[in-house]
Amino acid sequence: MENSAFPCRSRCGACCIAPSITSPIPGMPQGKPAGVPCVQLDADLRCRLFGKPERPAFCASLRPSMEMCGNDRAQALAFLGHLETATAP
């Protein structure tokens, strides 16, 4: 996930771990629970589906920002975890 204003942090993967994803993902046909790493994360914590049509719309909608990503991976995981809890049904 790259954005010229705020680039995706290397070796983070928080947006592919913290949120739940209810739509099917290749390798995770029932989606993904919150806090579970997506099976599409590679060893460098990069999405194998980035730029591909099979990437879920939810994933494509996440854009790196200072608010979401914070100063480090721990802050990103905490922010996204809080957002997940706040928006849970």
Protein backbone atom coordinates (compact mmCIF):
# COMPACT_ATOMS: atom_id res chain seq x y z
CA MET A 1 0.00 0.00 0.00
CA GLU A 2 1.73 3.09 -1.13
CA ASN A 3 0.64 6.69 -0.95
CA SER A 4 2.92 9.51 -2.05
CA ALA A 5 1.85 11.64 0.93
CA PHE A 6 2.45 8.89 3.49
CA PRO A 7 4.26 5.74 2.33
CA CYS A 8 3.50 2.31 3.69
CA ARG A 9 5.98 1.43 6.45
CA SER A 10 8.35 -1.39 5.60
CA ARG A 11 7.92 -4.61 7.61
CA CYS A 12 4.74 -3.42 9.35
CA GLY A 13 1.70 -5.33 8.08
CA ALA A 14 -0.56 -3.86 10.80
CA CYS A 15 -3.42 -3.26 8.35
CA CYS A 16 -3.20 -6.95 7.34
CA ILE A 17 -3.21 -8.21 10.93
CA ALA A 18 -5.35 -6.00 13.21
CA PRO A 19 -8.69 -5.70 11.36
CA SER A 20 -11.17 -8.45 10.69
CA ILE A 21 -12.01 -8.98 7.02
CA THR A 22 -15.42 -10.46 6.31
CA SER A 23 -14.99 -10.98 2.57
CA PRO A 24 -13.22 -14.05 1.18
CA ILE A 25 -9.47 -13.84 0.68
CA PRO A 26 -7.54 -16.40 -1.40
CA GLY A 27 -6.46 -18.94 1.21
CA MET A 28 -9.02 -17.63 3.74
CA PRO A 29 -12.43 -18.26 2.16
CA GLN A 30 -14.32 -17.23 5.32
CA GLY A 31 -12.35 -14.01 5.69
CA LYS A 32 -9.98 -13.21 8.52
CA PRO A 33 -10.56 -12.64 12.25
CA ALA A 34 -9.13 -9.53 13.91
CA GLY A 35 -5.59 -9.96 15.19
CA VAL A 36 -4.78 -12.84 12.84
CA PRO A 37 -2.17 -12.24 10.13
CA CYS A 38 -3.56 -12.59 6.62
CA VAL A 39 -2.21 -15.65 4.80
CA GLN A 40 -1.33 -13.33 1.92
CA LEU A 41 1.38 -11.55 3.94
CA ASP A 42 4.83 -12.53 2.76
CA ALA A 43 7.98 -12.85 4.90
CA ASP A 44 8.57 -9.08 4.58
CA LEU A 45 4.98 -8.38 5.75
CA ARG A 46 3.94 -7.20 2.28
CA CYS A 47 0.65 -8.17 0.64
CA ARG A 48 1.00 -10.77 -2.11
CA LEU A 49 -2.32 -9.55 -3.58
CA PHE A 50 -1.38 -5.87 -3.81
CA GLY A 51 -2.45 -4.53 -7.21
CA LYS A 52 -4.29 -7.73 -8.14
CA PRO A 53 -8.04 -7.99 -8.79
CA GLU A 54 -8.52 -10.70 -6.14
CA ARG A 55 -7.44 -8.31 -3.38
CA PRO A 56 -10.50 -7.58 -1.20
CA ALA A 57 -12.07 -4.13 -1.58
CA PHE A 58 -11.69 -3.59 2.18
CA CYS A 59 -7.93 -4.02 1.90
CA ALA A 60 -7.72 -1.68 -1.08
CA SER A 61 -9.68 0.94 0.88
CA LEU A 62 -7.06 1.17 3.63
CA ARG A 63 -4.58 3.96 2.92
CA PRO A 64 -1.53 4.68 5.04
CA SER A 65 -1.82 7.89 7.06
CA MET A 66 -0.19 9.37 10.13
CA GLU A 67 -3.43 8.85 12.07
CA MET A 68 -3.64 5.13 11.20
CA CYS A 69 0.06 4.27 11.12
CA GLY A 70 1.39 6.42 13.95
CA ASN A 71 5.13 6.55 14.56
CA ASP A 72 5.74 2.81 14.49
CA ARG A 73 4.18 -0.62 13.99
CA ALA A 74 3.03 -0.87 17.62
CA GLN A 75 1.07 2.38 17.32
CA ALA A 76 -0.48 1.20 14.04
CA LEU A 77 -1.56 -2.11 15.59
CA ALA A 78 -3.00 -0.28 18.62
CA PHE A 79 -4.94 2.24 16.50
CA LEU A 80 -6.35 -0.41 14.17
CA GLY A 81 -7.17 -2.69 17.10
CA HIS A 82 -9.08 0.12 18.80
CA LEU A 83 -10.92 0.89 15.55
CA GLU A 84 -11.81 -2.79 15.19
CA THR A 85 -13.26 -2.87 18.71
CA ALA A 86 -15.12 0.41 18.25
CA THR A 87 -16.78 -0.75 15.02
CA ALA A 88 -17.53 -4.36 15.98
CA PRO A 89 -21.21 -5.34 15.67
